[in-house]
Structures are given as C-alpha cells and as structure tokens.
Protein backbone atom coordinates (compact mmCIF):
# COMPACT_ATOMS: atom_id res chain seq x y z
CA UNK A 1 53.40 4.30 -6.03
CA UNK A 2 52.19 1.06 -5.39
CA UNK A 3 49.43 2.88 -3.39
CA UNK A 4 48.34 5.16 -5.86
CA UNK A 5 47.85 2.07 -8.41
CA UNK A 6 45.94 0.32 -6.16
CA UNK A 7 44.04 3.43 -5.66
CA UNK A 8 43.73 4.06 -9.50
CA UNK A 9 42.78 0.27 -10.01
CA UNK A 10 40.05 0.45 -6.97
CA UNK A 11 38.02 3.11 -8.55
CA UNK A 12 38.79 2.40 -12.61
CA UNK A 13 36.61 -1.16 -11.53
CA UNK A 14 33.65 0.74 -10.84
CA UNK A 15 31.83 1.09 -14.03
CA UNK A 16 31.92 -2.87 -13.94
CA UNK A 17 29.70 -2.86 -10.94
CA UNK A 18 27.39 0.18 -12.24
CA UNK A 19 25.29 -1.26 -15.07
CA UNK A 20 22.78 1.38 -16.42
CA UNK A 21 20.30 -0.99 -18.07
CA UNK A 22 19.84 -2.79 -14.47
CA UNK A 23 19.53 1.09 -12.98
CA UNK A 24 16.74 1.27 -15.46
CA UNK A 25 15.19 -1.59 -14.70
CA UNK A 26 15.33 -0.81 -11.37
CA UNK A 27 13.81 2.92 -11.29
CA UNK A 28 10.93 1.03 -13.39
CA UNK A 29 10.29 -1.77 -10.47
CA UNK A 30 10.21 1.46 -8.09
CA UNK A 31 7.76 3.18 -10.40
CA UNK A 32 5.69 -0.44 -11.40
CA UNK A 33 5.54 -1.17 -7.39
CA UNK A 34 4.75 2.66 -6.54
CA UNK A 35 1.77 2.01 -8.73
CA UNK A 36 0.24 -0.91 -7.46
CA UNK A 37 0.12 0.78 -3.86
CA UNK A 38 -0.95 3.56 -4.71
CA UNK A 39 -3.98 1.85 -6.55
CA UNK A 40 -4.52 -0.35 -4.11
CA UNK A 41 -4.79 2.80 -1.52
CA UNK A 42 -6.86 4.76 -4.02
CA UNK A 43 -9.35 1.50 -3.95
CA UNK A 44 -9.20 1.38 -0.25
CA UNK A 45 -10.06 5.25 0.12
CA UNK A 46 -12.85 4.91 -2.59
CA UNK A 47 -14.76 1.70 -0.69
CA UNK A 48 -14.33 3.81 2.85
CA UNK A 49 -15.75 6.61 1.32
CA UNK A 50 -18.57 4.73 0.07
CA UNK A 51 -18.95 2.82 3.48
CA UNK A 52 -19.02 6.26 5.20
CA UNK A 53 -21.27 7.92 2.65
CA UNK A 54 -24.27 5.35 3.19
CA UNK A 55 -23.58 5.49 6.91
CA UNK A 56 -24.35 9.33 6.57
CA UNK A 57 -27.67 8.32 4.52
CA UNK A 58 -28.67 5.95 7.28
CA UNK A 59 -27.35 8.63 10.05
CA UNK A 60 -29.46 11.40 8.63
CA UNK A 61 -32.48 9.14 8.21
CA UNK A 62 -32.53 8.06 11.91
CA UNK A 63 -32.50 11.58 12.83
CA UNK A 64 -35.54 12.10 10.55
CA UNK A 65 -37.08 9.59 12.54
CA UNK A 66 -36.50 10.72 15.62
CA UNK A 67 -37.73 14.70 14.70
CA UNK A 68 -40.95 13.24 13.20
CA UNK A 69 -43.89 15.07 15.33
CA UNK A 70 -45.45 12.87 17.66
CA UNK A 71 -47.33 12.71 21.20
CA UNK A 72 -44.65 14.03 23.97
CA UNK A 73 -44.88 10.95 26.12
CA UNK A 74 -43.58 9.32 23.17
CA UNK A 75 -40.56 11.14 22.07
CA UNK A 76 -38.50 9.24 25.09
CA UNK A 77 -39.06 5.69 23.44
CA UNK A 78 -38.43 7.67 20.11
CA UNK A 79 -35.19 8.65 21.12
CA UNK A 80 -34.21 5.03 23.04
CA UNK A 81 -35.21 3.63 19.22
CA UNK A 82 -32.71 6.40 17.88
CA UNK A 83 -30.03 5.65 20.38
CA UNK A 84 -30.33 1.98 19.45
CA UNK A 85 -29.94 2.50 15.89
CA UNK A 86 -27.19 4.68 15.74
CA UNK A 87 -25.20 1.76 18.01
CA UNK A 88 -26.15 -0.74 15.05
CA UNK A 89 -24.82 1.84 12.61
CA UNK A 90 -21.77 2.54 14.57
CA UNK A 91 -21.26 -1.57 14.68
CA UNK A 92 -22.42 -1.98 11.34
CA UNK A 93 -19.89 0.77 9.63
CA UNK A 94 -17.04 -0.49 11.83
CA UNK A 95 -17.44 -3.82 10.69
CA UNK A 96 -17.77 -2.48 7.00
CA UNK A 97 -14.21 -0.35 7.35
CA UNK A 98 -12.24 -2.91 8.94
CA UNK A 99 -13.32 -5.21 5.86
CA UNK A 100 -12.07 -2.44 3.67
CA UNK A 101 -8.49 -1.98 5.91
CA UNK A 102 -8.35 -6.16 5.86
CA UNK A 103 -8.58 -6.33 2.50
CA UNK A 104 -5.93 -3.50 1.75
CA UNK A 105 -3.59 -4.81 3.87
CA UNK A 106 -4.08 -8.01 2.05
CA UNK A 107 -3.47 -6.31 -1.33
CA UNK A 108 -0.63 -4.66 0.22
CA UNK A 109 1.29 -7.44 1.39
CA UNK A 110 0.05 -9.60 -2.17
CA UNK A 111 1.91 -6.35 -3.44
CA UNK A 112 5.03 -5.83 -1.39
CA UNK A 113 5.86 -9.76 -1.42
CA UNK A 114 6.23 -9.55 -5.58
CA UNK A 115 8.50 -6.93 -5.54
CA UNK A 116 10.61 -8.69 -2.62
CA UNK A 117 10.70 -11.64 -5.06
CA UNK A 118 11.37 -9.51 -8.32
CA UNK A 119 14.44 -7.39 -6.02
CA UNK A 120 15.81 -10.84 -4.94
CA UNK A 121 15.77 -11.98 -8.62
CA UNK A 122 17.50 -8.86 -9.45
CA UNK A 123 19.70 -8.95 -7.03
CA UNK A 124 20.99 -12.86 -7.57
CA UNK A 125 21.01 -11.59 -11.71
CA UNK A 126 23.25 -8.50 -10.92
CA UNK A 127 25.40 -10.30 -8.44
CA UNK A 128 26.21 -13.37 -10.79
CA UNK A 129 26.74 -10.46 -13.88
CA UNK A 130 29.16 -8.66 -11.88
CA UNK A 131 30.70 -11.88 -10.56
CA UNK A 132 31.46 -13.07 -14.60
CA UNK A 133 32.69 -9.78 -15.88
CA UNK A 134 35.38 -9.78 -12.68
CA UNK A 135 36.21 -13.40 -13.84
CA UNK A 136 36.38 -12.30 -17.27
CA UNK A 137 38.86 -9.03 -16.46
CA UNK A 138 40.91 -11.38 -14.25
CA UNK A 139 41.74 -13.59 -16.87
CA UNK A 140 42.10 -10.92 -19.58
C-alpha cells in the first residue's frame, strides 16, 4: 500500500508542475520567434531576388552588346569583352549575394540570442515558481 500511495502522490503533484499560463506564454514565444525568423528569411529572399534580377538585366545587356552587328574581324574582340564583362558580373553578383547572406546570418544570430535569453529567463521563473509551490505544499 505504501508504494501505491507514493505513486498516487507523484501523480497528484503533476498539476503543480504544469502551469497553463506558462504554456501559453511559451507558445507565444515560439510564434514570435518563428515570425522574426520568417521575416529575416523573406527579407533575404527579396534582396537575393533583387540582386539576381539586376544581374539578369546586366547579362542580357552584355549579350546584346555581343550580338550587335560588326565587322567579322571584330567578333573575337567582342567575345573577349563579353567574357570579361560576364566574369566581372559574376564577381559582383557573388559579392552582393554574400552580403545578403551575411546580413541575414547576423540578424538570425541576433534573433536567436534574444530568444535564448528569453527562454533562460522563463526557465528561471518557472523553476523558482515550482520551488515556491513545492515549499508551500510541503509546509501545508
């Protein structure tokens, strides 16, 4: 019988461990975190799209220059100029996309650090509240 009473006491303590307000707050925190991360990702996607659209316009301009009518002997020089312009475009595009990714990474780090601090504060608050409830139930 003693074992059954201990078992019943353990399950009787479960409501003291669960705090519905805390669970609601935790869900709100997760939703807020997801919203911020989503905003960062969408902003990075938008900036990347802008970079790629600009790159496409420049690449098409380079191709237009290459396709222009000219003296047959000038096509070799035109192709060399086209390749040089495309290499420069690839370098500038890579640099621009790197800046977008780096900025998004910094923002993600900031959002995650803020969420970690908030989670730590919540854990400490919950631990302290559970300890107070345990002390109060033990003295009662």
